[in-house]
Amino acid sequence: MSRGKKLDIFIGAEIDSGWAIVETARKTAVSDEILEPNKHFLFFKKEKRRGKTVTLVGEFYMPSTDVNALLQTIKKKLGCGGAYKDRWMEFQGEIKDKIRTILVEEGFRFRPQH
């Protein structure tokens, strides 16, 4: 085959033959409930992502601007990376005890045995 010729390949699928956009529901239902820090009952989750440990803290029932400001202060104090997604704070590394002390100083409470 020479360089100047193109292959004309037709797969056979048509857009109008019953294809539809699949809209999946969110993983968690987001409520508009806003609680004070002392009324939160937070707990920890630990996950492995790409071989690294990630510590999750949640669920936060506050406006996202307040949670993002809190997240920034925690990241500065601990010197680690993190994010806020679907009412959960995610931190790089296994730093459960350090996060707990900072959040207790801020007025948050934790579930027993977490």
N, C-alpha and C. Protein backbone atom coordinates (compact mmCIF):
# COMPACT_ATOMS: atom_id res chain seq x y z
N MET A 1 0.85 -1.16 0.00
CA MET A 1 0.00 0.00 0.00
C MET A 1 0.90 1.23 0.00
N SER A 2 0.59 2.18 -0.83
CA SER A 2 1.40 3.38 -0.91
C SER A 2 1.00 4.37 0.19
N ARG A 3 1.84 5.36 0.43
CA ARG A 3 1.61 6.33 1.50
C ARG A 3 0.43 7.24 1.21
N GLY A 4 0.08 7.47 -0.01
CA GLY A 4 -0.94 8.45 -0.34
C GLY A 4 -2.37 7.94 -0.21
N LYS A 5 -2.57 6.65 -0.06
CA LYS A 5 -3.93 6.11 0.00
C LYS A 5 -4.39 5.99 1.45
N LYS A 6 -5.65 6.24 1.69
CA LYS A 6 -6.24 6.11 3.01
C LYS A 6 -7.14 4.89 3.05
N LEU A 7 -7.23 4.28 4.19
CA LEU A 7 -8.13 3.16 4.36
C LEU A 7 -9.53 3.68 4.66
N ASP A 8 -10.51 3.11 4.04
CA ASP A 8 -11.89 3.48 4.29
C ASP A 8 -12.52 2.33 5.06
N ILE A 9 -12.63 2.49 6.37
CA ILE A 9 -13.18 1.44 7.22
C ILE A 9 -14.51 1.91 7.78
N PHE A 10 -15.51 1.08 7.62
CA PHE A 10 -16.82 1.39 8.16
C PHE A 10 -17.14 0.35 9.23
N ILE A 11 -17.41 0.82 10.46
CA ILE A 11 -17.64 -0.09 11.57
C ILE A 11 -19.06 -0.62 11.56
N GLY A 12 -20.03 0.20 11.22
CA GLY A 12 -21.38 -0.30 11.11
C GLY A 12 -22.33 0.19 12.18
N ALA A 13 -21.88 0.95 13.16
CA ALA A 13 -22.77 1.44 14.19
C ALA A 13 -23.37 2.77 13.76
N GLU A 14 -24.64 2.93 14.02
CA GLU A 14 -25.31 4.19 13.71
C GLU A 14 -25.78 4.83 15.00
N ILE A 15 -25.68 6.12 15.08
CA ILE A 15 -26.09 6.85 16.29
C ILE A 15 -27.60 6.73 16.49
N ASP A 16 -28.36 6.70 15.42
CA ASP A 16 -29.81 6.70 15.53
C ASP A 16 -30.41 5.32 15.78
N SER A 17 -29.59 4.32 15.97
CA SER A 17 -30.12 2.97 16.12
C SER A 17 -30.32 2.58 17.60
N GLY A 18 -30.88 3.47 18.40
CA GLY A 18 -31.21 3.12 19.77
C GLY A 18 -30.15 3.48 20.80
N TRP A 19 -29.10 4.15 20.41
CA TRP A 19 -28.09 4.56 21.38
C TRP A 19 -28.63 5.69 22.23
N ALA A 20 -28.27 5.71 23.49
CA ALA A 20 -28.74 6.76 24.39
C ALA A 20 -27.63 7.10 25.38
N ILE A 21 -27.70 8.29 25.89
CA ILE A 21 -26.75 8.72 26.92
C ILE A 21 -27.17 8.11 28.24
N VAL A 22 -26.25 7.46 28.91
CA VAL A 22 -26.53 6.83 30.19
C VAL A 22 -26.18 7.82 31.30
N GLU A 23 -27.17 8.20 32.06
CA GLU A 23 -26.93 9.11 33.17
C GLU A 23 -27.04 8.32 34.46
N THR A 24 -25.93 8.19 35.15
CA THR A 24 -25.91 7.44 36.40
C THR A 24 -26.12 8.39 37.56
N ALA A 25 -26.72 7.87 38.60
CA ALA A 25 -26.95 8.68 39.79
C ALA A 25 -25.65 8.86 40.54
N ARG A 26 -25.60 9.89 41.40
CA ARG A 26 -24.41 10.13 42.22
C ARG A 26 -24.23 8.99 43.20
N LYS A 27 -23.01 8.80 43.66
CA LYS A 27 -22.73 7.75 44.62
C LYS A 27 -23.42 8.02 45.94
N THR A 28 -23.42 9.26 46.36
CA THR A 28 -24.06 9.62 47.61
C THR A 28 -25.09 10.70 47.35
N ALA A 29 -26.14 10.67 48.11
CA ALA A 29 -27.15 11.71 48.00
C ALA A 29 -26.67 12.94 48.77
N VAL A 30 -26.63 14.07 48.11
CA VAL A 30 -26.14 15.29 48.74
C VAL A 30 -27.34 16.03 49.31
N SER A 31 -27.31 16.25 50.61
CA SER A 31 -28.39 16.99 51.24
C SER A 31 -27.92 18.41 51.49
N ASP A 32 -28.86 19.30 51.70
CA ASP A 32 -28.54 20.70 51.95
C ASP A 32 -28.43 21.00 53.43
N GLU A 33 -28.34 19.97 54.24
CA GLU A 33 -28.28 20.14 55.68
C GLU A 33 -26.92 20.72 56.09
N ILE A 34 -26.94 21.76 56.93
CA ILE A 34 -25.72 22.39 57.42
C ILE A 34 -25.70 22.26 58.93
N LEU A 35 -24.61 21.68 59.45
CA LEU A 35 -24.46 21.48 60.88
C LEU A 35 -23.29 22.28 61.41
N GLU A 36 -23.34 22.57 62.69
CA GLU A 36 -22.22 23.21 63.37
C GLU A 36 -21.12 22.17 63.57
N PRO A 37 -19.87 22.62 63.77
CA PRO A 37 -18.79 21.65 63.94
C PRO A 37 -19.00 20.68 65.11
N ASN A 38 -19.58 21.14 66.22
CA ASN A 38 -19.74 20.25 67.37
C ASN A 38 -20.85 19.23 67.18
N LYS A 39 -21.65 19.33 66.13
CA LYS A 39 -22.72 18.37 65.86
C LYS A 39 -22.32 17.34 64.80
N HIS A 40 -21.12 17.44 64.28
CA HIS A 40 -20.62 16.45 63.33
C HIS A 40 -20.13 15.22 64.08
N PHE A 41 -20.35 14.06 63.51
CA PHE A 41 -19.79 12.81 64.01
C PHE A 41 -18.96 12.22 62.89
N LEU A 42 -17.70 12.60 62.84
CA LEU A 42 -16.82 12.20 61.77
C LEU A 42 -16.22 10.83 62.02
N PHE A 43 -15.78 10.18 60.97
CA PHE A 43 -15.03 8.94 61.10
C PHE A 43 -14.05 8.83 59.95
N PHE A 44 -13.12 7.90 60.08
CA PHE A 44 -12.03 7.73 59.13
C PHE A 44 -12.24 6.50 58.25
N LYS A 45 -11.73 6.59 57.04
CA LYS A 45 -11.62 5.46 56.13
C LYS A 45 -10.19 5.46 55.61
N LYS A 46 -9.68 4.29 55.33
CA LYS A 46 -8.35 4.17 54.76
C LYS A 46 -8.46 3.39 53.47
N GLU A 47 -7.91 3.94 52.39
CA GLU A 47 -7.95 3.29 51.09
C GLU A 47 -6.55 3.24 50.50
N LYS A 48 -6.36 2.29 49.59
CA LYS A 48 -5.12 2.20 48.84
C LYS A 48 -5.42 2.62 47.41
N ARG A 49 -4.67 3.60 46.93
CA ARG A 49 -4.82 4.07 45.56
C ARG A 49 -3.46 4.09 44.90
N ARG A 50 -3.31 3.29 43.87
CA ARG A 50 -2.05 3.16 43.14
C ARG A 50 -0.90 2.81 44.07
N GLY A 51 -1.18 1.97 45.05
CA GLY A 51 -0.17 1.52 45.97
C GLY A 51 0.13 2.47 47.12
N LYS A 52 -0.55 3.60 47.18
CA LYS A 52 -0.33 4.59 48.23
C LYS A 52 -1.54 4.62 49.15
N THR A 53 -1.31 4.98 50.41
CA THR A 53 -2.39 5.06 51.39
C THR A 53 -3.04 6.44 51.33
N VAL A 54 -4.37 6.45 51.37
CA VAL A 54 -5.14 7.69 51.40
C VAL A 54 -6.05 7.63 52.61
N THR A 55 -6.05 8.70 53.42
CA THR A 55 -6.91 8.78 54.59
C THR A 55 -8.10 9.67 54.25
N LEU A 56 -9.31 9.14 54.48
CA LEU A 56 -10.54 9.89 54.23
C LEU A 56 -11.19 10.24 55.56
N VAL A 57 -11.69 11.48 55.67
CA VAL A 57 -12.39 11.93 56.86
C VAL A 57 -13.72 12.50 56.41
N GLY A 58 -14.80 12.16 57.09
CA GLY A 58 -16.09 12.72 56.68
C GLY A 58 -17.22 12.19 57.51
N GLU A 59 -18.36 12.49 57.18
CA GLU A 59 -18.88 13.36 56.17
C GLU A 59 -19.09 14.74 56.78
N PHE A 60 -18.80 15.78 55.99
CA PHE A 60 -18.94 17.15 56.45
C PHE A 60 -20.24 17.73 55.92
N TYR A 61 -21.01 18.30 56.82
CA TYR A 61 -22.27 18.95 56.46
C TYR A 61 -22.11 20.45 56.68
N MET A 62 -21.29 21.05 55.85
CA MET A 62 -21.00 22.47 55.92
C MET A 62 -20.94 23.02 54.51
N PRO A 63 -21.00 24.33 54.34
CA PRO A 63 -20.80 24.89 52.99
C PRO A 63 -19.40 24.55 52.49
N SER A 64 -19.29 24.33 51.20
CA SER A 64 -18.01 23.88 50.64
C SER A 64 -16.92 24.93 50.82
N THR A 65 -17.27 26.21 50.89
CA THR A 65 -16.24 27.23 51.08
C THR A 65 -15.61 27.11 52.46
N ASP A 66 -16.44 26.83 53.48
CA ASP A 66 -15.90 26.65 54.83
C ASP A 66 -15.03 25.39 54.93
N VAL A 67 -15.47 24.32 54.30
CA VAL A 67 -14.71 23.07 54.35
C VAL A 67 -13.39 23.22 53.60
N ASN A 68 -13.41 23.92 52.47
CA ASN A 68 -12.18 24.12 51.71
C ASN A 68 -11.19 24.99 52.49
N ALA A 69 -11.69 25.99 53.24
CA ALA A 69 -10.80 26.80 54.07
C ALA A 69 -10.19 25.95 55.18
N LEU A 70 -11.00 25.09 55.80
CA LEU A 70 -10.50 24.17 56.83
C LEU A 70 -9.48 23.20 56.24
N LEU A 71 -9.75 22.71 55.05
CA LEU A 71 -8.84 21.79 54.38
C LEU A 71 -7.48 22.45 54.12
N GLN A 72 -7.50 23.70 53.69
CA GLN A 72 -6.25 24.41 53.43
C GLN A 72 -5.41 24.57 54.70
N THR A 73 -6.07 24.88 55.83
CA THR A 73 -5.31 25.03 57.08
C THR A 73 -4.73 23.70 57.54
N ILE A 74 -5.50 22.62 57.39
CA ILE A 74 -5.01 21.30 57.79
C ILE A 74 -3.82 20.89 56.91
N LYS A 75 -3.92 21.12 55.61
CA LYS A 75 -2.83 20.76 54.71
C LYS A 75 -1.56 21.55 55.02
N LYS A 76 -1.71 22.82 55.40
CA LYS A 76 -0.54 23.62 55.75
C LYS A 76 0.09 23.12 57.05
N LYS A 77 -0.74 22.78 58.03
CA LYS A 77 -0.21 22.30 59.31
C LYS A 77 0.50 20.95 59.16
N LEU A 78 -0.04 20.08 58.32
CA LEU A 78 0.52 18.74 58.17
C LEU A 78 1.56 18.63 57.07
N GLY A 79 1.56 19.56 56.14
CA GLY A 79 2.51 19.49 55.04
C GLY A 79 2.24 18.34 54.09
N CYS A 80 0.97 18.09 53.81
CA CYS A 80 0.62 17.00 52.90
C CYS A 80 -0.41 17.50 51.90
N GLY A 81 -0.68 16.70 50.90
CA GLY A 81 -1.67 17.03 49.90
C GLY A 81 -3.03 16.49 50.29
N GLY A 82 -4.06 17.06 49.69
CA GLY A 82 -5.40 16.58 49.98
C GLY A 82 -6.42 17.24 49.08
N ALA A 83 -7.66 16.77 49.20
CA ALA A 83 -8.76 17.29 48.38
C ALA A 83 -10.06 17.11 49.13
N TYR A 84 -11.11 17.82 48.65
CA TYR A 84 -12.46 17.69 49.20
C TYR A 84 -13.37 17.24 48.08
N LYS A 85 -13.95 16.02 48.23
CA LYS A 85 -14.83 15.45 47.22
C LYS A 85 -16.01 14.76 47.88
N ASP A 86 -17.21 15.08 47.42
CA ASP A 86 -18.44 14.42 47.88
C ASP A 86 -18.53 14.36 49.40
N ARG A 87 -18.32 15.49 50.05
CA ARG A 87 -18.42 15.64 51.52
C ARG A 87 -17.33 14.92 52.30
N TRP A 88 -16.28 14.46 51.64
CA TRP A 88 -15.16 13.77 52.30
C TRP A 88 -13.88 14.52 52.02
N MET A 89 -13.05 14.65 53.04
CA MET A 89 -11.70 15.17 52.87
C MET A 89 -10.76 13.99 52.64
N GLU A 90 -9.91 14.11 51.64
CA GLU A 90 -8.95 13.07 51.32
C GLU A 90 -7.55 13.62 51.57
N PHE A 91 -6.74 12.85 52.28
CA PHE A 91 -5.37 13.26 52.58
C PHE A 91 -4.41 12.18 52.11
N GLN A 92 -3.25 12.61 51.64
CA GLN A 92 -2.23 11.67 51.21
C GLN A 92 -1.49 11.14 52.42
N GLY A 93 -1.41 9.85 52.53
CA GLY A 93 -0.68 9.23 53.63
C GLY A 93 -1.60 8.74 54.74
N GLU A 94 -1.01 8.04 55.68
CA GLU A 94 -1.75 7.52 56.82
C GLU A 94 -1.48 8.44 58.02
N ILE A 95 -2.33 9.46 58.18
CA ILE A 95 -2.10 10.50 59.18
C ILE A 95 -3.35 10.71 60.04
N LYS A 96 -3.98 9.63 60.40
CA LYS A 96 -5.24 9.66 61.13
C LYS A 96 -5.12 10.40 62.46
N ASP A 97 -4.10 10.10 63.24
CA ASP A 97 -3.96 10.70 64.57
C ASP A 97 -3.71 12.20 64.50
N LYS A 98 -2.92 12.63 63.54
CA LYS A 98 -2.63 14.05 63.40
C LYS A 98 -3.87 14.84 62.97
N ILE A 99 -4.64 14.26 62.07
CA ILE A 99 -5.87 14.93 61.61
C ILE A 99 -6.87 15.02 62.75
N ARG A 100 -6.97 13.95 63.55
CA ARG A 100 -7.91 13.94 64.66
C ARG A 100 -7.61 15.07 65.64
N THR A 101 -6.35 15.28 66.00
CA THR A 101 -6.03 16.34 66.96
C THR A 101 -6.37 17.72 66.42
N ILE A 102 -6.12 17.95 65.14
CA ILE A 102 -6.43 19.26 64.54
C ILE A 102 -7.92 19.49 64.50
N LEU A 103 -8.70 18.48 64.10
CA LEU A 103 -10.15 18.65 64.00
C LEU A 103 -10.81 18.77 65.37
N VAL A 104 -10.27 18.10 66.39
CA VAL A 104 -10.81 18.25 67.74
C VAL A 104 -10.56 19.66 68.24
N GLU A 105 -9.41 20.24 67.93
CA GLU A 105 -9.14 21.64 68.29
C GLU A 105 -10.12 22.59 67.62
N GLU A 106 -10.57 22.24 66.41
CA GLU A 106 -11.53 23.07 65.68
C GLU A 106 -12.96 22.88 66.17
N GLY A 107 -13.20 21.89 67.04
CA GLY A 107 -14.52 21.69 67.62
C GLY A 107 -15.31 20.53 67.04
N PHE A 108 -14.72 19.71 66.21
CA PHE A 108 -15.42 18.57 65.62
C PHE A 108 -15.36 17.39 66.57
N ARG A 109 -16.34 16.51 66.44
CA ARG A 109 -16.39 15.28 67.25
C ARG A 109 -16.30 14.07 66.33
N PHE A 110 -15.89 12.95 66.91
CA PHE A 110 -15.74 11.71 66.15
C PHE A 110 -16.62 10.64 66.73
N ARG A 111 -16.98 9.68 65.91
CA ARG A 111 -17.72 8.53 66.38
C ARG A 111 -16.86 7.75 67.35
N PRO A 112 -17.48 7.07 68.31
CA PRO A 112 -16.68 6.27 69.22
C PRO A 112 -15.91 5.18 68.46
N GLN A 113 -14.70 4.91 68.89
CA GLN A 113 -13.84 3.87 68.35
C GLN A 113 -13.33 4.22 66.96
N HIS A 114 -13.31 5.51 66.59
CA HIS A 114 -12.74 5.92 65.30
C HIS A 114 -11.67 6.92 65.53
